[in-house]
PDB file of N, CA and C in Angstrom:
ATOM      1  N   MET A   1      86.577  10.603 136.202  1.00  0.00           N
ATOM      2  CA  MET A   1      86.030   9.165 136.913  1.00  0.00           C
ATOM      3  C   MET A   1      85.667   9.219 135.334  1.00  0.00           C
ATOM      4  N   THR A   2      85.618   7.523 135.082  1.00  0.00           N
ATOM      5  CA  THR A   2      85.379   6.873 133.690  1.00  0.00           C
ATOM      6  C   THR A   2      83.621   6.605 133.622  1.00  0.00           C
ATOM      7  N   ASP A   3      83.253   7.016 132.648  1.00  0.00           N
ATOM      8  CA  ASP A   3      81.608   7.354 132.710  1.00  0.00           C
ATOM      9  C   ASP A   3      80.801   5.387 131.956  1.00  0.00           C
ATOM     10  N   PRO A   4      80.758   4.511 132.899  1.00  0.00           N
ATOM     11  CA  PRO A   4      80.661   3.170 132.611  1.00  0.00           C
ATOM     12  C   PRO A   4      79.644   3.558 131.300  1.00  0.00           C
ATOM     13  N   LEU A   5      79.615   4.061 130.808  1.00  0.00           N
ATOM     14  CA  LEU A   5      77.908   4.136 129.515  1.00  0.00           C
ATOM     15  C   LEU A   5      78.959   4.721 128.136  1.00  0.00           C
ATOM     16  N   ALA A   6      80.268   4.911 128.366  1.00  0.00           N
ATOM     17  CA  ALA A   6      80.734   5.527 127.655  1.00  0.00           C
ATOM     18  C   ALA A   6      81.620   4.008 126.791  1.00  0.00           C
ATOM     19  N   GLN A   7      82.114   4.011 125.492  1.00  0.00           N
ATOM     20  CA  GLN A   7      82.473   2.855 124.636  1.00  0.00           C
ATOM     21  C   GLN A   7      84.000   2.737 125.510  1.00  0.00           C
ATOM     22  N   PRO A   8      84.043   1.605 124.532  1.00  0.00           N
ATOM     23  CA  PRO A   8      85.489   1.173 125.696  1.00  0.00           C
ATOM     24  C   PRO A   8      86.710   1.830 125.040  1.00  0.00           C
ATOM     25  N   TYR A   9      86.483   2.303 123.895  1.00  0.00           N
ATOM     26  CA  TYR A   9      88.291   2.978 123.857  1.00  0.00           C
ATOM     27  C   TYR A   9      87.591   4.437 123.913  1.00  0.00           C
ATOM     28  N   GLN A  10      86.637   5.252 124.628  1.00  0.00           N
ATOM     29  CA  GLN A  10      86.787   6.192 125.602  1.00  0.00           C
ATOM     30  C   GLN A  10      86.898   6.201 126.758  1.00  0.00           C
ATOM     31  N   ARG A  11      86.860   5.077 127.037  1.00  0.00           N
ATOM     32  CA  ARG A  11      87.009   4.254 128.803  1.00  0.00           C
ATOM     33  C   ARG A  11      88.726   4.479 128.795  1.00  0.00           C
ATOM     34  N   ILE A  12      89.232   3.986 128.206  1.00  0.00           N
ATOM     35  CA  ILE A  12      90.817   4.286 128.075  1.00  0.00           C
ATOM     36  C   ILE A  12      91.388   5.848 127.959  1.00  0.00           C
ATOM     37  N   VAL A  13      91.009   6.879 127.055  1.00  0.00           N
ATOM     38  CA  VAL A  13      91.031   8.129 126.526  1.00  0.00           C
ATOM     39  C   VAL A  13      90.406   8.556 127.878  1.00  0.00           C
ATOM     40  N   GLU A  14      90.008   8.009 128.521  1.00  0.00           N
ATOM     41  CA  GLU A  14      89.624   9.343 129.543  1.00  0.00           C
ATOM     42  C   GLU A  14      90.465   8.691 130.522  1.00  0.00           C
ATOM     43  N   ASP A  15      90.841   7.250 130.856  1.00  0.00           N
ATOM     44  CA  ASP A  15      92.157   7.079 132.214  1.00  0.00           C
ATOM     45  C   ASP A  15      92.930   7.706 132.007  1.00  0.00           C
ATOM     46  N   VAL A  16      93.452   7.614 130.222  1.00  0.00           N
ATOM     47  CA  VAL A  16      95.051   8.032 129.925  1.00  0.00           C
ATOM     48  C   VAL A  16      95.148   9.750 130.618  1.00  0.00           C
ATOM     49  N   ARG A  17      93.701  10.241 130.359  1.00  0.00           N
ATOM     50  CA  ARG A  17      93.358  11.789 130.200  1.00  0.00           C
ATOM     51  C   ARG A  17      93.850  12.036 132.009  1.00  0.00           C
ATOM     52  N   ASP A  18      92.823  10.927 133.021  1.00  0.00           N
ATOM     53  CA  ASP A  18      92.963  11.320 134.353  1.00  0.00           C
ATOM     54  C   ASP A  18      94.379  11.104 134.600  1.00  0.00           C
ATOM     55  N   GLN A  19      95.235   9.969 134.502  1.00  0.00           N
ATOM     56  CA  GLN A  19      96.351   9.421 134.616  1.00  0.00           C
ATOM     57  C   GLN A  19      97.711  11.124 134.690  1.00  0.00           C
ATOM     58  N   ILE A  20      97.288  11.861 133.505  1.00  0.00           N
ATOM     59  CA  ILE A  20      98.196  12.644 132.631  1.00  0.00           C
ATOM     60  C   ILE A  20      97.568  13.790 133.968  1.00  0.00           C
ATOM     61  N   ARG A  21      96.155  14.359 134.071  1.00  0.00           N
ATOM     62  CA  ARG A  21      96.558  15.060 134.837  1.00  0.00           C
ATOM     63  C   ARG A  21      96.690  15.244 136.558  1.00  0.00           C
ATOM     64  N   LEU A  22      96.885  14.103 136.584  1.00  0.00           N
ATOM     65  CA  LEU A  22      96.811  13.701 138.483  1.00  0.00           C
ATOM     66  C   LEU A  22      98.425  13.687 138.405  1.00  0.00           C
ATOM     67  N   GLY A  23      99.271  13.146 137.130  1.00  0.00           N
ATOM     68  CA  GLY A  23     100.417  13.299 137.487  1.00  0.00           C
ATOM     69  C   GLY A  23     101.232  12.316 137.144  1.00  0.00           C
ATOM     70  N   ARG A  24     100.201  10.877 137.510  1.00  0.00           N
ATOM     71  CA  ARG A  24     100.883   9.267 137.407  1.00  0.00           C
ATOM     72  C   ARG A  24     101.619   9.497 136.111  1.00  0.00           C
ATOM     73  N   LEU A  25     100.954  10.322 135.176  1.00  0.00           N
ATOM     74  CA  LEU A  25     101.847   9.941 133.633  1.00  0.00           C
ATOM     75  C   LEU A  25     102.191  11.811 133.648  1.00  0.00           C
ATOM     76  N   ARG A  26     104.013  11.330 133.162  1.00  0.00           N
ATOM     77  CA  ARG A  26     104.477  12.379 132.671  1.00  0.00           C
ATOM     78  C   ARG A  26     105.033  12.763 131.516  1.00  0.00           C
ATOM     79  N   PRO A  27     105.516  14.596 131.643  1.00  0.00           N
ATOM     80  CA  PRO A  27     105.511  14.455 130.148  1.00  0.00           C
ATOM     81  C   PRO A  27     106.645  13.482 129.997  1.00  0.00           C
ATOM     82  N   ASP A  28     106.794  13.243 128.250  1.00  0.00           N
ATOM     83  CA  ASP A  28     107.972  11.660 127.557  1.00  0.00           C
ATOM     84  C   ASP A  28     107.678  10.722 128.519  1.00  0.00           C
ATOM     85  N   ASP A  29     106.963  10.238 129.195  1.00  0.00           N
ATOM     86  CA  ASP A  29     106.420   9.129 129.702  1.00  0.00           C
ATOM     87  C   ASP A  29     106.520   8.582 128.963  1.00  0.00           C
ATOM     88  N   LYS A  30     106.574   6.832 128.773  1.00  0.00           N
ATOM     89  CA  LYS A  30     105.832   6.201 127.833  1.00  0.00           C
ATOM     90  C   LYS A  30     105.258   5.302 128.379  1.00  0.00           C
ATOM     91  N   LEU A  31     104.285   5.253 127.079  1.00  0.00           N
ATOM     92  CA  LEU A  31     102.724   4.714 127.340  1.00  0.00           C
ATOM     93  C   LEU A  31     102.929   3.020 127.144  1.00  0.00           C
ATOM     94  N   PRO A  32     101.842   1.926 128.375  1.00  0.00           N
ATOM     95  CA  PRO A  32     102.185   0.820 127.606  1.00  0.00           C
ATOM     96  C   PRO A  32     102.057   0.485 126.156  1.00  0.00           C
ATOM     97  N   SER A  33     102.549  -0.754 125.845  1.00  0.00           N
ATOM     98  CA  SER A  33     102.617  -1.122 124.563  1.00  0.00           C
ATOM     99  C   SER A  33     100.567  -1.584 124.261  1.00  0.00           C
ATOM    100  N   THR A  34     100.214  -1.431 123.010  1.00  0.00           N
ATOM    101  CA  THR A  34      99.290  -1.413 122.435  1.00  0.00           C
ATOM    102  C   THR A  34      98.659  -3.451 123.037  1.00  0.00           C
ATOM    103  N   ARG A  35      99.551  -3.822 123.223  1.00  0.00           N
ATOM    104  CA  ARG A  35      99.206  -5.279 123.894  1.00  0.00           C
ATOM    105  C   ARG A  35      98.910  -5.309 125.323  1.00  0.00           C
ATOM    106  N   GLU A  36     100.067  -4.435 126.222  1.00  0.00           N
ATOM    107  CA  GLU A  36      99.364  -4.319 127.426  1.00  0.00           C
ATOM    108  C   GLU A  36      97.855  -3.695 127.465  1.00  0.00           C
ATOM    109  N   LEU A  37      98.185  -2.870 126.825  1.00  0.00           N
ATOM    110  CA  LEU A  37      96.665  -1.576 127.237  1.00  0.00           C
ATOM    111  C   LEU A  37      95.610  -2.638 127.042  1.00  0.00           C
ATOM    112  N   ALA A  38      95.372  -3.372 126.138  1.00  0.00           N
ATOM    113  CA  ALA A  38      94.489  -4.747 125.419  1.00  0.00           C
ATOM    114  C   ALA A  38      94.039  -5.470 126.672  1.00  0.00           C
ATOM    115  N   THR A  39      95.052  -6.512 126.773  1.00  0.00           N
ATOM    116  CA  THR A  39      95.213  -6.919 128.383  1.00  0.00           C
ATOM    117  C   THR A  39      94.362  -6.360 129.552  1.00  0.00           C
ATOM    118  N   ARG A  40      95.329  -4.991 129.400  1.00  0.00           N
ATOM    119  CA  ARG A  40      94.615  -4.204 130.906  1.00  0.00           C
ATOM    120  C   ARG A  40      93.078  -3.847 130.719  1.00  0.00           C
ATOM    121  N   TYR A  41      92.362  -3.472 129.705  1.00  0.00           N
ATOM    122  CA  TYR A  41      91.217  -3.010 129.240  1.00  0.00           C
ATOM    123  C   TYR A  41      90.289  -4.261 128.937  1.00  0.00           C
ATOM    124  N   GLY A  42      91.370  -5.360 128.793  1.00  0.00           N
ATOM    125  CA  GLY A  42      90.104  -6.099 128.414  1.00  0.00           C
ATOM    126  C   GLY A  42      89.430  -6.228 126.805  1.00  0.00           C
ATOM    127  N   VAL A  43      90.073  -5.338 125.905  1.00  0.00           N
ATOM    128  CA  VAL A  43      89.755  -4.930 124.826  1.00  0.00           C
ATOM    129  C   VAL A  43      90.361  -5.850 123.254  1.00  0.00           C
ATOM    130  N   ALA A  44      90.323  -5.309 122.501  1.00  0.00           N
ATOM    131  CA  ALA A  44      90.922  -5.874 121.300  1.00  0.00           C
ATOM    132  C   ALA A  44      91.411  -4.375 121.004  1.00  0.00           C
ATOM    133  N   HIS A  45      92.986  -5.269 120.086  1.00  0.00           N
ATOM    134  CA  HIS A  45      93.893  -4.219 119.223  1.00  0.00           C
ATOM    135  C   HIS A  45      93.046  -3.260 118.766  1.00  0.00           C
ATOM    136  N   GLY A  46      92.312  -3.082 117.960  1.00  0.00           N
ATOM    137  CA  GLY A  46      91.462  -2.154 116.936  1.00  0.00           C
ATOM    138  C   GLY A  46      90.792  -0.978 117.943  1.00  0.00           C
ATOM    139  N   THR A  47      90.332  -1.606 119.591  1.00  0.00           N
ATOM    140  CA  THR A  47      90.167  -0.804 120.032  1.00  0.00           C
ATOM    141  C   THR A  47      91.368   0.457 121.048  1.00  0.00           C
ATOM    142  N   VAL A  48      92.104  -0.181 120.823  1.00  0.00           N
ATOM    143  CA  VAL A  48      93.583   0.560 122.152  1.00  0.00           C
ATOM    144  C   VAL A  48      93.667   1.630 120.615  1.00  0.00           C
ATOM    145  N   GLN A  49      94.096   0.953 119.800  1.00  0.00           N
ATOM    146  CA  GLN A  49      94.623   2.094 118.385  1.00  0.00           C
ATOM    147  C   GLN A  49      93.479   3.037 118.422  1.00  0.00           C
ATOM    148  N   ARG A  50      91.906   2.577 118.254  1.00  0.00           N
ATOM    149  CA  ARG A  50      91.543   3.955 118.416  1.00  0.00           C
ATOM    150  C   ARG A  50      91.579   5.313 119.781  1.00  0.00           C
ATOM    151  N   ALA A  51      91.469   4.609 120.909  1.00  0.00           N
ATOM    152  CA  ALA A  51      91.863   5.236 122.146  1.00  0.00           C
ATOM    153  C   ALA A  51      93.325   6.447 121.760  1.00  0.00           C
ATOM    154  N   LEU A  52      94.279   5.468 121.170  1.00  0.00           N
ATOM    155  CA  LEU A  52      95.641   6.112 121.151  1.00  0.00           C
ATOM    156  C   LEU A  52      95.039   7.067 119.592  1.00  0.00           C
ATOM    157  N   THR A  53      94.820   7.202 118.999  1.00  0.00           N
ATOM    158  CA  THR A  53      94.288   8.604 117.880  1.00  0.00           C
ATOM    159  C   THR A  53      93.780   9.043 118.315  1.00  0.00           C
ATOM    160  N   GLU A  54      92.929   9.109 118.946  1.00  0.00           N
ATOM    161  CA  GLU A  54      92.283  10.454 120.105  1.00  0.00           C
ATOM    162  C   GLU A  54      92.837  10.754 120.691  1.00  0.00           C
ATOM    163  N   LEU A  55      94.122  10.208 121.416  1.00  0.00           N
ATOM    164  CA  LEU A  55      94.166  10.734 122.238  1.00  0.00           C
ATOM    165  C   LEU A  55      95.895  11.517 121.297  1.00  0.00           C
ATOM    166  N   ARG A  56      96.241  11.260 120.457  1.00  0.00           N
ATOM    167  CA  ARG A  56      97.400  11.920 119.377  1.00  0.00           C
ATOM    168  C   ARG A  56      96.503  13.194 118.817  1.00  0.00           C
ATOM    169  N   ALA A  57      95.454  12.989 118.525  1.00  0.00           N
ATOM    170  CA  ALA A  57      94.697  13.684 117.752  1.00  0.00           C
ATOM    171  C   ALA A  57      94.261  15.032 118.925  1.00  0.00           C
ATOM    172  N   SER A  58      93.891  14.668 120.150  1.00  0.00           N
ATOM    173  CA  SER A  58      93.544  15.918 121.555  1.00  0.00           C
ATOM    174  C   SER A  58      95.211  16.636 121.513  1.00  0.00           C
ATOM    175  N   GLY A  59      95.987  16.041 120.895  1.00  0.00           N
ATOM    176  CA  GLY A  59      97.762  16.390 121.293  1.00  0.00           C
ATOM    177  C   GLY A  59      98.275  16.141 122.873  1.00  0.00           C
ATOM    178  N   LEU A  60      97.500  14.788 123.756  1.00  0.00           N
ATOM    179  CA  LEU A  60      97.708  14.706 124.886  1.00  0.00           C
ATOM    180  C   LEU A  60      98.735  13.458 124.919  1.00  0.00           C
ATOM    181  N   ILE A  61      99.567  12.452 123.811  1.00  0.00           N
ATOM    182  CA  ILE A  61     100.552  12.335 123.312  1.00  0.00           C
ATOM    183  C   ILE A  61     100.874  11.722 121.884  1.00  0.00           C
ATOM    184  N   TYR A  62     102.146  11.477 121.848  1.00  0.00           N
ATOM    185  CA  TYR A  62     103.266  11.117 120.289  1.00  0.00           C
ATOM    186  C   TYR A  62     103.427   9.638 119.952  1.00  0.00           C
ATOM    187  N   SER A  63     103.346   9.165 118.925  1.00  0.00           N
ATOM    188  CA  SER A  63     103.632   8.244 119.049  1.00  0.00           C
ATOM    189  C   SER A  63     105.280   8.412 117.681  1.00  0.00           C
ATOM    190  N   HIS A  64     105.750   7.252 118.588  1.00  0.00           N
ATOM    191  CA  HIS A  64     107.333   7.030 117.409  1.00  0.00           C
ATOM    192  C   HIS A  64     107.090   5.989 116.740  1.00  0.00           C
ATOM    193  N   GLN A  65     107.401   5.504 115.708  1.00  0.00           N
ATOM    194  CA  GLN A  65     107.158   4.076 114.819  1.00  0.00           C
ATOM    195  C   GLN A  65     108.010   2.836 115.565  1.00  0.00           C
ATOM    196  N   GLY A  66     107.677   2.553 115.879  1.00  0.00           N
ATOM    197  CA  GLY A  66     108.212   0.820 116.656  1.00  0.00           C
ATOM    198  C   GLY A  66     109.051   1.252 118.081  1.00  0.00           C
ATOM    199  N   LYS A  67     108.576   2.675 118.451  1.00  0.00           N
ATOM    200  CA  LYS A  67     109.156   2.659 119.803  1.00  0.00           C
ATOM    201  C   LYS A  67     108.134   2.784 120.812  1.00  0.00           C
ATOM    202  N   GLY A  68     106.703   3.114 120.118  1.00  0.00           N
ATOM    203  CA  GLY A  68     105.734   3.282 120.972  1.00  0.00           C
ATOM    204  C   GLY A  68     105.162   4.467 120.750  1.00  0.00           C
ATOM    205  N   SER A  69     103.988   5.343 121.997  1.00  0.00           N
ATOM    206  CA  SER A  69     103.602   6.058 122.133  1.00  0.00           C
ATOM    207  C   SER A  69     104.119   6.732 124.139  1.00  0.00           C
ATOM    208  N   PHE A  70     103.826   8.575 123.729  1.00  0.00           N
ATOM    209  CA  PHE A  70     104.580   8.986 125.257  1.00  0.00           C
ATOM    210  C   PHE A  70     103.713  10.082 125.092  1.00  0.00           C
ATOM    211  N   VAL A  71     104.182  10.547 126.480  1.00  0.00           N
ATOM    212  CA  VAL A  71     102.625  11.186 126.952  1.00  0.00           C
ATOM    213  C   VAL A  71     103.332  13.097 126.491  1.00  0.00           C
ATOM    214  N   ARG A  72     102.930  13.611 125.870  1.00  0.00           N
ATOM    215  CA  ARG A  72     103.606  15.374 124.648  1.00  0.00           C
ATOM    216  C   ARG A  72     103.958  15.860 126.417  1.00  0.00           C
ATOM    217  N   GLN A  73     104.514  16.863 125.830  1.00  0.00           N
ATOM    218  CA  GLN A  73     105.235  18.054 127.372  1.00  0.00           C
ATOM    219  C   GLN A  73     103.869  19.506 126.999  1.00  0.00           C
ATOM    220  N   VAL A  74     103.376  19.476 127.931  1.00  0.00           N
ATOM    221  CA  VAL A  74     101.872  20.370 127.375  1.00  0.00           C
ATOM    222  C   VAL A  74     102.934  22.106 127.767  1.00  0.00           C
ATOM    223  N   PRO A  75     102.194  22.632 126.197  1.00  0.00           N
ATOM    224  CA  PRO A  75     103.140  23.911 126.632  1.00  0.00           C
ATOM    225  C   PRO A  75     102.654  24.422 128.061  1.00  0.00           C
ATOM    226  N   PRO A  76     103.924  25.950 128.281  1.00  0.00           N
ATOM    227  CA  PRO A  76     103.395  26.265 129.690  1.00  0.00           C
ATOM    228  C   PRO A  76     102.571  27.578 128.994  1.00  0.00           C
ATOM    229  N   ASP A  77     101.995  27.707 127.882  1.00  0.00           N
ATOM    230  CA  ASP A  77     101.026  28.523 127.529  1.00  0.00           C
ATOM    231  C   ASP A  77      99.533  27.966 127.590  1.00  0.00           C
ATOM    232  N   GLU A  78      99.729  26.735 127.267  1.00  0.00           N
ATOM    233  CA  GLU A  78      98.280  26.128 126.948  1.00  0.00           C
ATOM    234  C   GLU A  78      97.834  25.843 128.866  1.00  0.00           C
ATOM    235  N   PRO A  79      96.477  26.268 128.978  1.00  0.00           N
ATOM    236  CA  PRO A  79      95.927  26.080 130.605  1.00  0.00           C
ATOM    237  C   PRO A  79      96.016  24.730 130.400  1.00  0.00           C
ATOM    238  N   GLU A  80      95.643  24.987 131.536  1.00  0.00           N
ATOM    239  CA  GLU A  80      95.494  22.771 131.981  1.00  0.00           C
ATOM    240  C   GLU A  80      94.166  22.593 131.969  1.00  0.00           C
ATOM    241  N   THR A  81      92.991  23.099 131.618  1.00  0.00           N
ATOM    242  CA  THR A  81      91.961  23.148 131.434  1.00  0.00           C
ATOM    243  C   THR A  81      91.567  22.459 129.833  1.00  0.00           C
ATOM    244  N   THR A  82      92.483  22.425 129.584  1.00  0.00           N
ATOM    245  CA  THR A  82      92.063  22.075 127.754  1.00  0.00           C
ATOM    246  C   THR A  82      91.849  20.839 128.008  1.00  0.00           C
ATOM    247  N   SER A  83      92.233  20.265 128.241  1.00  0.00           N
ATOM    248  CA  SER A  83      91.842  18.484 128.442  1.00  0.00           C
ATOM    249  C   SER A  83      90.168  19.144 129.278  1.00  0.00           C
ATOM    250  N   GLU A  84      90.200  19.452 130.395  1.00  0.00           N
ATOM    251  CA  GLU A  84      88.658  19.376 130.227  1.00  0.00           C
ATOM    252  C   GLU A  84      87.826  19.960 129.849  1.00  0.00           C
ATOM    253  N   LEU A  85      88.249  20.704 128.590  1.00  0.00           N
ATOM    254  CA  LEU A  85      87.469  21.061 127.733  1.00  0.00           C
ATOM    255  C   LEU A  85      86.770  20.204 126.843  1.00  0.00           C
ATOM    256  N   GLN A  86      88.070  19.598 126.575  1.00  0.00           N
ATOM    257  CA  GLN A  86      87.686  18.311 125.492  1.00  0.00           C
ATOM    258  C   GLN A  86      87.137  17.312 126.109  1.00  0.00           C
ATOM    259  N   GLU A  87      86.850  17.196 127.182  1.00  0.00           N
ATOM    260  CA  GLU A  87      86.130  16.093 128.310  1.00  0.00           C
ATOM    261  C   GLU A  87      84.713  16.269 127.968  1.00  0.00           C
ATOM    262  N   LEU A  88      84.472  17.805 128.352  1.00  0.00           N
ATOM    263  CA  LEU A  88      83.194  17.842 128.236  1.00  0.00           C
ATOM    264  C   LEU A  88      82.766  18.218 127.072  1.00  0.00           C
ATOM    265  N   ARG A  89      83.036  18.165 125.506  1.00  0.00           N
ATOM    266  CA  ARG A  89      83.465  19.108 124.093  1.00  0.00           C
ATOM    267  C   ARG A  89      82.848  16.955 124.192  1.00  0.00           C
ATOM    268  N   GLU A  90      83.018  15.917 124.139  1.00  0.00           N
ATOM    269  CA  GLU A  90      83.357  14.787 124.265  1.00  0.00           C
ATOM    270  C   GLU A  90      81.826  13.992 125.030  1.00  0.00           C
ATOM    271  N   GLN A  91      81.697  14.838 126.533  1.00  0.00           N
ATOM    272  CA  GLN A  91      80.146  14.022 126.641  1.00  0.00           C
ATOM    273  C   GLN A  91      79.214  15.394 126.059  1.00  0.00           C
ATOM    274  N   VAL A  92      79.109  16.043 125.723  1.00  0.00           N
ATOM    275  CA  VAL A  92      77.975  16.315 124.784  1.00  0.00           C
ATOM    276  C   VAL A  92      78.393  16.501 123.859  1.00  0.00           C
ATOM    277  N   SER A  93      78.555  15.615 122.884  1.00  0.00           N
ATOM    278  CA  SER A  93      79.033  15.154 121.547  1.00  0.00           C
ATOM    279  C   SER A  93      77.638  13.722 122.253  1.00  0.00           C
ATOM    280  N   VAL A  94      78.237  12.930 123.013  1.00  0.00           N
ATOM    281  CA  VAL A  94      77.610  11.365 123.902  1.00  0.00           C
ATOM    282  C   VAL A  94      75.605  11.905 123.745  1.00  0.00           C
ATOM    283  N   LEU A  95      75.819  13.027 125.173  1.00  0.00           N
ATOM    284  CA  LEU A  95      74.432  13.517 125.470  1.00  0.00           C
ATOM    285  C   LEU A  95      73.866  13.492 124.069  1.00  0.00           C
ATOM    286  N   ALA A  96      74.232  14.458 123.241  1.00  0.00           N
ATOM    287  CA  ALA A  96      73.285  14.615 122.064  1.00  0.00           C
ATOM    288  C   ALA A  96      72.978  13.425 120.807  1.00  0.00           C
ATOM    289  N   ALA A  97      74.123  12.248 120.656  1.00  0.00           N
ATOM    290  CA  ALA A  97      73.718  11.521 120.174  1.00  0.00           C
ATOM    291  C   ALA A  97      72.759  10.946 121.180  1.00  0.00           C
ATOM    292  N   ARG A  98      72.720  10.525 122.417  1.00  0.00           N
ATOM    293  CA  ARG A  98      71.568  10.469 123.374  1.00  0.00           C
ATOM    294  C   ARG A  98      70.233  10.962 122.983  1.00  0.00           C
ATOM    295  N   LEU A  99      70.060  12.058 122.864  1.00  0.00           N
ATOM    296  CA  LEU A  99      69.182  12.976 123.002  1.00  0.00           C
ATOM    297  C   LEU A  99      68.265  12.428 121.245  1.00  0.00           C
ATOM    298  N   GLU A 100      69.168  12.789 120.652  1.00  0.00           N
ATOM    299  CA  GLU A 100      68.737  11.854 118.789  1.00  0.00           C
ATOM    300  C   GLU A 100      67.612  10.966 119.404  1.00  0.00           C
ATOM    301  N   ARG A 101      68.749   9.847 120.052  1.00  0.00           N
ATOM    302  CA  ARG A 101      67.842   8.825 119.737  1.00  0.00           C
ATOM    303  C   ARG A 101      66.567   8.352 120.442  1.00  0.00           C
ATOM    304  N   VAL A 102      66.873   9.586 121.772  1.00  0.00           N
ATOM    305  CA  VAL A 102      65.270   9.358 122.037  1.00  0.00           C
ATOM    306  C   VAL A 102      63.967  10.443 121.356  1.00  0.00           C
ATOM    307  N   GLU A 103      64.931  11.144 120.911  1.00  0.00           N
ATOM    308  CA  GLU A 103      63.696  12.143 119.574  1.00  0.00           C
ATOM    309  C   GLU A 103      62.961  11.468 118.781  1.00  0.00           C
ATOM    310  N   GLN A 104      63.534  10.525 118.479  1.00  0.00           N
ATOM    311  CA  GLN A 104      63.277   9.523 116.874  1.00  0.00           C
ATOM    312  C   GLN A 104      62.697   8.329 118.105  1.00  0.00           C
ATOM    313  N   ALA A 105      63.245   7.657 118.530  1.00  0.00           N
ATOM    314  CA  ALA A 105      62.129   6.685 119.945  1.00  0.00           C
ATOM    315  C   ALA A 105      60.560   7.559 119.250  1.00  0.00           C
ATOM    316  N   VAL A 106      60.708   8.573 120.672  1.00  0.00           N
ATOM    317  CA  VAL A 106      59.057   9.378 120.250  1.00  0.00           C
ATOM    318  C   VAL A 106      58.747   9.638 119.479  1.00  0.00           C
ATOM    319  N   PHE A 107      59.200  10.066 118.197  1.00  0.00           N
ATOM    320  CA  PHE A 107      58.614  10.221 117.376  1.00  0.00           C
ATOM    321  C   PHE A 107      58.215   9.608 116.228  1.00  0.00           C
ATOM    322  N   GLN A 108      58.580   8.333 116.480  1.00  0.00           N
ATOM    323  CA  GLN A 108      58.420   6.992 115.883  1.00  0.00           C
ATOM    324  C   GLN A 108      56.549   6.794 116.762  1.00  0.00           C
ATOM    325  N   LYS A 109      56.597   6.678 117.978  1.00  0.00           N
ATOM    326  CA  LYS A 109      55.811   6.069 118.474  1.00  0.00           C
ATOM    327  C   LYS A 109      54.456   7.189 118.150  1.00  0.00           C
ATOM    328  N   THR A 110      54.537   8.635 117.128  1.00  0.00           N
ATOM    329  CA  THR A 110      53.709   9.411 117.557  1.00  0.00           C
ATOM    330  C   THR A 110      53.038   9.493 116.066  1.00  0.00           C
TER     331      THR A 110
END
């Protein structure tokens, strides 16, 4: 489920992850073009590029210049929970940033 407080690129990443996890996107399926994704999510081209970079870094997709981005084949020895762990890491990172902002606000008042 997509976090409504997430950054726009994070919502795209979460949505693509969910589609892969649920089997709606299968290995070697081509993702929609950057332009199509930007229109679908109502974001700028650069936001989609950031999401695709995140997905590539997490090993969920691969890209071919001029051909597009595709769902990566998950190695059979890799547990399916890897994407869930990555999602938890991202959530912890977001929560840590929020906590830091709260602490800064509290310390500024004292």
